[in-house]
N, C-alpha and C. Protein backbone atom coordinates (compact mmCIF):
# COMPACT_ATOMS: atom_id res chain seq x y z
N MET A 1 14.33 -2.95 18.67
CA MET A 1 14.07 -3.56 17.38
C MET A 1 14.84 -2.80 16.32
N ILE A 2 15.54 -3.51 15.49
CA ILE A 2 16.24 -2.93 14.35
C ILE A 2 15.22 -2.74 13.25
N LYS A 3 15.19 -1.56 12.68
CA LYS A 3 14.30 -1.32 11.55
C LYS A 3 15.13 -1.12 10.30
N SER A 4 14.61 -1.60 9.21
CA SER A 4 15.28 -1.43 7.93
C SER A 4 14.24 -1.06 6.90
N VAL A 5 14.61 -0.24 5.98
CA VAL A 5 13.72 0.13 4.91
C VAL A 5 14.34 -0.36 3.61
N LYS A 6 13.55 -1.03 2.81
CA LYS A 6 13.98 -1.55 1.52
C LYS A 6 13.34 -0.66 0.47
N ARG A 7 14.13 0.02 -0.30
CA ARG A 7 13.59 0.90 -1.34
C ARG A 7 13.71 0.20 -2.69
N ILE A 8 12.60 0.19 -3.41
CA ILE A 8 12.58 -0.46 -4.72
C ILE A 8 11.97 0.50 -5.73
N LEU A 9 12.62 0.68 -6.86
CA LEU A 9 12.08 1.43 -7.97
C LEU A 9 11.81 0.41 -9.06
N CYS A 10 10.57 0.13 -9.34
CA CYS A 10 10.21 -0.90 -10.31
C CYS A 10 10.02 -0.29 -11.68
N ALA A 11 10.68 -0.88 -12.66
CA ALA A 11 10.57 -0.42 -14.04
C ALA A 11 9.16 -0.70 -14.53
N GLY A 12 8.45 0.36 -14.86
CA GLY A 12 7.08 0.19 -15.32
C GLY A 12 6.16 -0.31 -14.22
N MET A 13 6.49 -0.02 -12.95
CA MET A 13 5.80 -0.52 -11.77
C MET A 13 5.75 -2.03 -11.85
N LEU A 14 4.59 -2.61 -12.01
CA LEU A 14 4.50 -4.06 -12.14
C LEU A 14 4.48 -4.39 -13.62
N ALA A 15 5.36 -5.27 -14.02
CA ALA A 15 5.35 -5.71 -15.41
C ALA A 15 4.05 -6.44 -15.71
N THR A 16 3.60 -7.22 -14.76
CA THR A 16 2.33 -7.92 -14.92
C THR A 16 1.62 -7.97 -13.59
N LEU A 17 0.38 -7.58 -13.56
CA LEU A 17 -0.47 -7.78 -12.38
C LEU A 17 -1.70 -8.50 -12.90
N ALA A 18 -1.62 -9.83 -12.92
CA ALA A 18 -2.70 -10.63 -13.47
C ALA A 18 -3.66 -10.98 -12.35
N MET A 19 -4.92 -10.65 -12.53
CA MET A 19 -5.91 -10.92 -11.50
C MET A 19 -6.94 -11.91 -12.02
N ALA A 20 -7.31 -12.83 -11.16
CA ALA A 20 -8.40 -13.75 -11.45
C ALA A 20 -9.27 -13.82 -10.21
N ALA A 21 -10.56 -13.69 -10.38
CA ALA A 21 -11.46 -13.69 -9.22
C ALA A 21 -11.33 -15.01 -8.48
N SER A 22 -11.38 -14.92 -7.15
CA SER A 22 -11.24 -16.12 -6.32
C SER A 22 -12.54 -16.90 -6.28
N ALA A 23 -12.50 -18.01 -5.56
CA ALA A 23 -13.67 -18.89 -5.47
C ALA A 23 -14.86 -18.20 -4.81
N SER A 24 -14.62 -17.13 -4.04
CA SER A 24 -15.73 -16.44 -3.37
C SER A 24 -16.32 -15.33 -4.24
N ALA A 25 -16.14 -15.43 -5.54
CA ALA A 25 -16.54 -14.37 -6.46
C ALA A 25 -18.04 -14.08 -6.43
N GLN A 26 -18.89 -15.02 -6.01
CA GLN A 26 -20.32 -14.77 -6.01
C GLN A 26 -20.70 -13.64 -5.06
N ASN A 27 -19.86 -13.28 -4.10
CA ASN A 27 -20.14 -12.20 -3.17
C ASN A 27 -19.53 -10.87 -3.61
N ASN A 28 -18.85 -10.84 -4.75
CA ASN A 28 -18.18 -9.62 -5.19
C ASN A 28 -19.19 -8.63 -5.72
N GLN A 29 -18.94 -7.33 -5.44
CA GLN A 29 -19.86 -6.32 -5.90
C GLN A 29 -19.17 -4.96 -5.93
N ILE A 30 -19.80 -4.01 -6.63
CA ILE A 30 -19.37 -2.62 -6.62
C ILE A 30 -20.52 -1.83 -6.01
N VAL A 31 -20.25 -1.08 -4.94
CA VAL A 31 -21.26 -0.27 -4.26
C VAL A 31 -20.69 1.13 -4.08
N SER A 32 -21.38 2.14 -4.61
CA SER A 32 -20.96 3.54 -4.46
C SER A 32 -19.50 3.75 -4.82
N GLY A 33 -19.06 3.18 -5.93
CA GLY A 33 -17.69 3.38 -6.37
C GLY A 33 -16.65 2.63 -5.57
N ARG A 34 -17.05 1.66 -4.77
CA ARG A 34 -16.12 0.87 -3.95
C ARG A 34 -16.24 -0.60 -4.33
N LEU A 35 -15.11 -1.29 -4.32
CA LEU A 35 -15.08 -2.72 -4.63
C LEU A 35 -15.16 -3.54 -3.36
N PHE A 36 -15.76 -4.69 -3.45
CA PHE A 36 -15.76 -5.68 -2.38
C PHE A 36 -15.40 -7.00 -3.04
N TRP A 37 -14.10 -7.21 -3.25
CA TRP A 37 -13.65 -8.36 -4.00
C TRP A 37 -12.40 -8.97 -3.42
N ASP A 38 -12.23 -10.24 -3.64
CA ASP A 38 -10.99 -10.95 -3.36
C ASP A 38 -10.42 -11.41 -4.69
N TYR A 39 -9.12 -11.20 -4.89
CA TYR A 39 -8.45 -11.63 -6.10
C TYR A 39 -7.20 -12.41 -5.73
N ARG A 40 -6.92 -13.47 -6.45
CA ARG A 40 -5.60 -14.10 -6.41
C ARG A 40 -4.75 -13.34 -7.41
N VAL A 41 -3.58 -12.90 -7.02
CA VAL A 41 -2.75 -12.11 -7.92
C VAL A 41 -1.41 -12.79 -8.15
N ALA A 42 -0.90 -12.63 -9.36
CA ALA A 42 0.46 -13.03 -9.72
C ALA A 42 1.21 -11.74 -10.01
N ILE A 43 2.38 -11.58 -9.40
CA ILE A 43 3.14 -10.34 -9.52
C ILE A 43 4.50 -10.66 -10.13
N ASN A 44 4.83 -9.99 -11.24
CA ASN A 44 6.14 -10.12 -11.87
C ASN A 44 6.74 -8.72 -11.94
N GLN A 45 7.97 -8.57 -11.44
CA GLN A 45 8.61 -7.27 -11.40
C GLN A 45 10.03 -7.34 -11.94
N THR A 46 10.47 -6.24 -12.53
CA THR A 46 11.88 -6.02 -12.81
C THR A 46 12.22 -4.72 -12.10
N CYS A 47 13.19 -4.77 -11.19
CA CYS A 47 13.43 -3.64 -10.30
C CYS A 47 14.91 -3.30 -10.17
N VAL A 48 15.15 -2.09 -9.69
CA VAL A 48 16.45 -1.68 -9.19
C VAL A 48 16.26 -1.48 -7.70
N ARG A 49 17.05 -2.19 -6.90
CA ARG A 49 16.89 -2.15 -5.45
C ARG A 49 18.16 -1.60 -4.82
N THR A 50 17.96 -0.76 -3.82
CA THR A 50 19.09 -0.27 -3.03
C THR A 50 19.20 -1.13 -1.78
N PRO A 51 20.35 -1.15 -1.13
CA PRO A 51 20.53 -2.02 0.04
C PRO A 51 19.66 -1.62 1.22
N PHE A 52 19.51 -2.56 2.16
CA PHE A 52 18.82 -2.26 3.41
C PHE A 52 19.60 -1.17 4.14
N GLN A 53 18.88 -0.19 4.66
CA GLN A 53 19.50 0.95 5.34
C GLN A 53 18.67 1.33 6.55
N GLN A 54 19.28 2.01 7.49
CA GLN A 54 18.56 2.53 8.64
C GLN A 54 17.62 3.64 8.16
N PRO A 55 16.37 3.67 8.66
CA PRO A 55 15.46 4.75 8.27
C PRO A 55 15.94 6.08 8.82
N PRO A 56 15.64 7.20 8.22
CA PRO A 56 14.91 7.25 6.95
C PRO A 56 15.86 7.01 5.77
N ALA A 57 15.64 5.94 5.07
CA ALA A 57 16.50 5.57 3.94
C ALA A 57 15.96 6.23 2.68
N ASP A 58 16.85 6.70 1.86
CA ASP A 58 16.46 7.33 0.61
C ASP A 58 17.47 6.95 -0.45
N GLY A 59 17.29 5.76 -1.05
CA GLY A 59 18.23 5.26 -2.04
C GLY A 59 18.08 5.90 -3.40
N PHE A 60 16.92 6.55 -3.64
CA PHE A 60 16.65 7.20 -4.92
C PHE A 60 16.28 8.65 -4.67
N ASP A 61 16.69 9.53 -5.56
CA ASP A 61 16.23 10.92 -5.50
C ASP A 61 14.75 10.91 -5.86
N PRO A 62 13.87 11.48 -5.03
CA PRO A 62 12.44 11.40 -5.30
C PRO A 62 11.99 12.14 -6.55
N VAL A 63 12.76 13.13 -7.00
CA VAL A 63 12.38 13.89 -8.18
C VAL A 63 12.97 13.28 -9.44
N THR A 64 14.29 13.08 -9.46
CA THR A 64 14.95 12.61 -10.68
C THR A 64 15.00 11.09 -10.79
N LYS A 65 14.76 10.38 -9.68
CA LYS A 65 14.85 8.91 -9.59
C LYS A 65 16.28 8.41 -9.73
N ALA A 66 17.27 9.32 -9.64
CA ALA A 66 18.68 8.93 -9.70
C ALA A 66 19.06 8.20 -8.42
N LEU A 67 19.95 7.21 -8.54
CA LEU A 67 20.42 6.47 -7.37
C LEU A 67 21.26 7.37 -6.48
N ARG A 68 21.04 7.27 -5.18
CA ARG A 68 21.87 7.98 -4.19
C ARG A 68 22.88 7.04 -3.55
N VAL A 69 22.68 5.72 -3.72
CA VAL A 69 23.62 4.68 -3.29
C VAL A 69 23.62 3.63 -4.39
N ALA A 70 24.65 2.80 -4.42
CA ALA A 70 24.72 1.75 -5.44
C ALA A 70 23.53 0.81 -5.30
N GLY A 71 23.00 0.37 -6.41
CA GLY A 71 21.86 -0.54 -6.41
C GLY A 71 22.16 -1.80 -7.19
N GLU A 72 21.16 -2.68 -7.25
CA GLU A 72 21.28 -3.91 -8.03
C GLU A 72 20.00 -4.14 -8.81
N SER A 73 20.14 -4.81 -9.94
CA SER A 73 19.00 -5.16 -10.77
C SER A 73 18.51 -6.54 -10.40
N LEU A 74 17.19 -6.70 -10.31
CA LEU A 74 16.64 -8.01 -10.00
C LEU A 74 15.27 -8.17 -10.63
N THR A 75 14.85 -9.41 -10.70
CA THR A 75 13.48 -9.72 -11.09
C THR A 75 12.85 -10.45 -9.92
N ALA A 76 11.54 -10.38 -9.82
CA ALA A 76 10.83 -11.03 -8.72
C ALA A 76 9.51 -11.57 -9.22
N THR A 77 9.14 -12.72 -8.71
CA THR A 77 7.86 -13.34 -9.01
C THR A 77 7.19 -13.70 -7.70
N GLY A 78 5.93 -13.33 -7.58
CA GLY A 78 5.22 -13.60 -6.33
C GLY A 78 3.74 -13.80 -6.56
N SER A 79 3.03 -14.01 -5.45
CA SER A 79 1.58 -14.18 -5.50
C SER A 79 0.99 -13.80 -4.14
N GLY A 80 -0.32 -13.66 -4.10
CA GLY A 80 -1.01 -13.35 -2.86
C GLY A 80 -2.50 -13.23 -3.08
N LEU A 81 -3.22 -12.90 -2.01
CA LEU A 81 -4.66 -12.71 -2.04
C LEU A 81 -4.93 -11.24 -1.79
N LEU A 82 -5.42 -10.54 -2.82
CA LEU A 82 -5.70 -9.11 -2.74
C LEU A 82 -7.17 -8.93 -2.37
N ARG A 83 -7.41 -8.22 -1.24
CA ARG A 83 -8.78 -8.05 -0.73
C ARG A 83 -9.16 -6.58 -0.72
N PHE A 84 -10.24 -6.27 -1.45
CA PHE A 84 -10.82 -4.94 -1.46
C PHE A 84 -11.94 -4.94 -0.42
N ALA A 85 -11.91 -3.99 0.51
CA ALA A 85 -12.90 -3.95 1.59
C ALA A 85 -13.63 -2.60 1.56
N PRO A 86 -14.72 -2.50 2.33
CA PRO A 86 -15.46 -1.24 2.39
C PRO A 86 -14.57 -0.08 2.84
N GLY A 87 -14.94 1.12 2.42
CA GLY A 87 -14.22 2.32 2.84
C GLY A 87 -12.91 2.53 2.12
N GLY A 88 -12.64 1.79 1.05
CA GLY A 88 -11.41 1.98 0.30
C GLY A 88 -10.20 1.31 0.90
N HIS A 89 -10.41 0.40 1.88
CA HIS A 89 -9.29 -0.30 2.50
C HIS A 89 -8.91 -1.51 1.65
N LEU A 90 -7.61 -1.81 1.63
CA LEU A 90 -7.08 -2.87 0.78
C LEU A 90 -6.02 -3.65 1.56
N THR A 91 -6.04 -4.98 1.43
CA THR A 91 -4.98 -5.80 2.02
C THR A 91 -4.49 -6.79 0.98
N LEU A 92 -3.22 -7.17 1.09
CA LEU A 92 -2.67 -8.27 0.33
C LEU A 92 -2.19 -9.28 1.36
N GLU A 93 -2.83 -10.44 1.38
CA GLU A 93 -2.55 -11.48 2.36
C GLU A 93 -1.91 -12.67 1.68
N GLU A 94 -1.29 -13.53 2.47
CA GLU A 94 -0.67 -14.76 1.97
C GLU A 94 0.38 -14.47 0.90
N GLY A 95 1.03 -13.30 0.99
CA GLY A 95 2.02 -12.92 0.00
C GLY A 95 3.29 -13.75 0.11
N VAL A 96 3.82 -14.14 -1.03
CA VAL A 96 5.09 -14.87 -1.10
C VAL A 96 5.80 -14.44 -2.38
N GLN A 97 7.13 -14.24 -2.30
CA GLN A 97 7.88 -13.75 -3.46
C GLN A 97 9.28 -14.34 -3.47
N THR A 98 9.75 -14.67 -4.66
CA THR A 98 11.12 -15.14 -4.87
C THR A 98 11.81 -14.15 -5.81
N GLU A 99 13.06 -13.80 -5.49
CA GLU A 99 13.81 -12.85 -6.29
C GLU A 99 14.98 -13.52 -7.00
N ALA A 100 15.32 -12.98 -8.16
CA ALA A 100 16.51 -13.42 -8.88
C ALA A 100 17.38 -12.19 -9.11
N SER A 101 18.58 -12.19 -8.52
CA SER A 101 19.51 -11.08 -8.68
C SER A 101 20.27 -11.26 -9.99
N LEU A 102 20.24 -10.24 -10.83
CA LEU A 102 20.93 -10.30 -12.11
C LEU A 102 22.42 -10.04 -11.96
N ALA A 103 22.88 -9.68 -10.75
CA ALA A 103 24.30 -9.41 -10.50
C ALA A 103 25.03 -10.62 -9.93
N LEU A 104 24.32 -11.62 -9.47
CA LEU A 104 24.95 -12.77 -8.80
C LEU A 104 25.02 -13.97 -9.75
N LEU A 105 25.82 -13.84 -10.79
CA LEU A 105 25.88 -14.89 -11.81
C LEU A 105 27.24 -15.57 -11.91
N ALA A 106 28.12 -15.29 -10.96
CA ALA A 106 29.44 -15.92 -10.98
C ALA A 106 29.40 -17.28 -10.30
N LEU A 107 30.42 -18.07 -10.53
CA LEU A 107 30.55 -19.39 -9.95
C LEU A 107 30.36 -19.34 -8.43
N ASN A 108 29.56 -20.26 -7.89
CA ASN A 108 29.27 -20.41 -6.46
C ASN A 108 28.41 -19.32 -5.85
N GLN A 109 27.86 -18.42 -6.65
CA GLN A 109 26.92 -17.44 -6.14
C GLN A 109 25.51 -18.00 -6.23
N THR A 110 24.59 -17.46 -5.44
CA THR A 110 23.20 -17.93 -5.40
C THR A 110 22.28 -16.79 -5.85
N PRO A 111 21.90 -16.76 -7.12
CA PRO A 111 21.09 -15.64 -7.61
C PRO A 111 19.61 -15.72 -7.22
N ILE A 112 19.11 -16.91 -6.87
CA ILE A 112 17.69 -17.08 -6.54
C ILE A 112 17.53 -17.12 -5.03
N THR A 113 16.64 -16.29 -4.48
CA THR A 113 16.40 -16.27 -3.04
C THR A 113 15.35 -17.30 -2.65
N PRO A 114 15.39 -17.77 -1.41
CA PRO A 114 14.27 -18.58 -0.92
C PRO A 114 13.01 -17.71 -0.89
N PRO A 115 11.84 -18.30 -0.97
CA PRO A 115 10.62 -17.49 -0.94
C PRO A 115 10.53 -16.67 0.35
N ALA A 116 10.13 -15.41 0.20
CA ALA A 116 9.91 -14.52 1.34
C ALA A 116 8.42 -14.28 1.48
N ARG A 117 7.90 -14.35 2.67
CA ARG A 117 6.49 -14.10 2.93
C ARG A 117 6.31 -12.63 3.30
N PHE A 118 5.16 -12.06 2.91
CA PHE A 118 4.87 -10.66 3.21
C PHE A 118 3.37 -10.44 3.29
N GLN A 119 2.99 -9.33 3.89
CA GLN A 119 1.60 -8.89 3.91
C GLN A 119 1.58 -7.38 3.72
N CYS A 120 0.51 -6.88 3.14
CA CYS A 120 0.43 -5.47 2.81
C CYS A 120 -0.94 -4.91 3.22
N SER A 121 -0.97 -3.61 3.44
CA SER A 121 -2.24 -2.92 3.66
C SER A 121 -2.14 -1.55 3.03
N GLY A 122 -3.29 -0.99 2.72
CA GLY A 122 -3.30 0.32 2.09
C GLY A 122 -4.70 0.74 1.71
N GLN A 123 -4.77 1.60 0.71
CA GLN A 123 -6.03 2.19 0.26
C GLN A 123 -6.18 1.99 -1.25
N TYR A 124 -7.44 2.06 -1.71
CA TYR A 124 -7.70 2.03 -3.14
C TYR A 124 -8.82 3.01 -3.45
N SER A 125 -8.87 3.43 -4.70
CA SER A 125 -10.00 4.23 -5.18
C SER A 125 -10.38 3.72 -6.56
N LEU A 126 -11.62 3.91 -6.89
CA LEU A 126 -12.17 3.46 -8.17
C LEU A 126 -12.75 4.67 -8.87
N ASP A 127 -12.30 4.93 -10.12
CA ASP A 127 -12.81 6.05 -10.89
C ASP A 127 -13.00 5.60 -12.32
N ARG A 128 -14.26 5.55 -12.76
CA ARG A 128 -14.59 5.15 -14.14
C ARG A 128 -13.96 3.81 -14.49
N ARG A 129 -14.12 2.84 -13.62
CA ARG A 129 -13.66 1.46 -13.81
C ARG A 129 -12.13 1.34 -13.83
N LYS A 130 -11.42 2.36 -13.37
CA LYS A 130 -9.97 2.30 -13.20
C LYS A 130 -9.67 2.33 -11.71
N VAL A 131 -8.74 1.50 -11.30
CA VAL A 131 -8.41 1.36 -9.88
C VAL A 131 -7.03 1.95 -9.61
N SER A 132 -6.91 2.69 -8.53
CA SER A 132 -5.63 3.18 -8.03
C SER A 132 -5.39 2.55 -6.68
N LEU A 133 -4.18 1.98 -6.49
CA LEU A 133 -3.83 1.31 -5.24
C LEU A 133 -2.61 1.97 -4.62
N SER A 134 -2.58 2.01 -3.30
CA SER A 134 -1.39 2.43 -2.56
C SER A 134 -1.20 1.43 -1.43
N LEU A 135 -0.09 0.69 -1.46
CA LEU A 135 0.17 -0.39 -0.49
C LEU A 135 1.52 -0.20 0.20
N THR A 136 1.56 -0.53 1.48
CA THR A 136 2.81 -0.64 2.23
C THR A 136 2.88 -2.06 2.75
N CYS A 137 4.04 -2.71 2.57
CA CYS A 137 4.17 -4.13 2.89
C CYS A 137 5.20 -4.36 4.00
N GLU A 138 4.94 -5.36 4.81
CA GLU A 138 5.86 -5.83 5.83
C GLU A 138 6.36 -7.21 5.41
N VAL A 139 7.68 -7.36 5.30
CA VAL A 139 8.28 -8.63 4.90
C VAL A 139 8.65 -9.41 6.16
N GLN A 140 8.25 -10.67 6.20
CA GLN A 140 8.60 -11.53 7.33
C GLN A 140 10.03 -12.02 7.15
N THR A 141 10.88 -11.65 8.08
CA THR A 141 12.30 -11.96 7.95
C THR A 141 12.72 -13.20 8.73
N GLY A 142 11.86 -13.67 9.65
CA GLY A 142 12.25 -14.77 10.52
C GLY A 142 13.03 -14.30 11.73
N ASN A 143 13.35 -13.01 11.78
CA ASN A 143 14.07 -12.42 12.91
C ASN A 143 13.16 -11.39 13.57
N PRO A 144 12.70 -11.64 14.81
CA PRO A 144 11.77 -10.70 15.45
C PRO A 144 12.38 -9.33 15.72
N ASN A 145 13.70 -9.20 15.65
CA ASN A 145 14.36 -7.92 15.88
C ASN A 145 14.59 -7.12 14.61
N LEU A 146 14.19 -7.68 13.47
CA LEU A 146 14.39 -7.01 12.19
C LEU A 146 13.06 -6.80 11.51
N LYS A 147 12.74 -5.55 11.21
CA LYS A 147 11.49 -5.21 10.53
C LYS A 147 11.83 -4.64 9.17
N VAL A 148 11.28 -5.22 8.11
CA VAL A 148 11.52 -4.74 6.75
C VAL A 148 10.19 -4.23 6.19
N THR A 149 10.17 -2.96 5.80
CA THR A 149 8.98 -2.32 5.25
C THR A 149 9.27 -1.91 3.82
N VAL A 150 8.33 -2.20 2.92
CA VAL A 150 8.46 -1.81 1.52
C VAL A 150 7.25 -0.93 1.19
N GLY A 151 7.52 0.30 0.78
CA GLY A 151 6.40 1.13 0.37
C GLY A 151 6.52 2.55 0.88
N PRO A 152 5.54 3.34 0.56
CA PRO A 152 4.33 2.95 -0.16
C PRO A 152 4.61 2.69 -1.64
N GLN A 153 3.87 1.73 -2.17
CA GLN A 153 3.93 1.40 -3.59
C GLN A 153 2.60 1.81 -4.20
N ASN A 154 2.65 2.58 -5.28
CA ASN A 154 1.43 3.10 -5.90
C ASN A 154 1.27 2.53 -7.30
N PHE A 155 0.05 2.09 -7.59
CA PHE A 155 -0.25 1.46 -8.88
C PHE A 155 -1.57 2.02 -9.41
N ASP A 156 -1.64 2.24 -10.72
CA ASP A 156 -2.86 2.69 -11.38
C ASP A 156 -3.12 1.79 -12.58
N GLY A 157 -4.39 1.53 -12.84
CA GLY A 157 -4.69 0.74 -14.03
C GLY A 157 -6.13 0.39 -14.17
């Protein structure tokens, strides 16, 4: 199996993470500082992405965030079902995202990608009504020999 790692540095992490409780909201609760909720999420990002590389890929310097390889600027819009489960476990299911490359604007180029499906898993913590998330996502490529992993991605808010 060919593995590839996609590294993304998002400006301001997520520009928008809009959450609305799903239809199953009547079962949502907070118990001992843990959430048990399902949310439909809309995700809007502006990112600098480095190309797919063989692991361990490191397109950005982890300290300075300087590029170690040439990157591209893009925006992305997506959605999914974010599930908070007992024990601090978190999943994002039914994920789908479309990207627009800001570098592909010449004649006959295609700046908008077809929708890509993905799923994520990770952990969350709740402290004084603020949530911290850490997610790693697997992107479905349509090729069983190619695995694309994005993450970990960390968000606070």
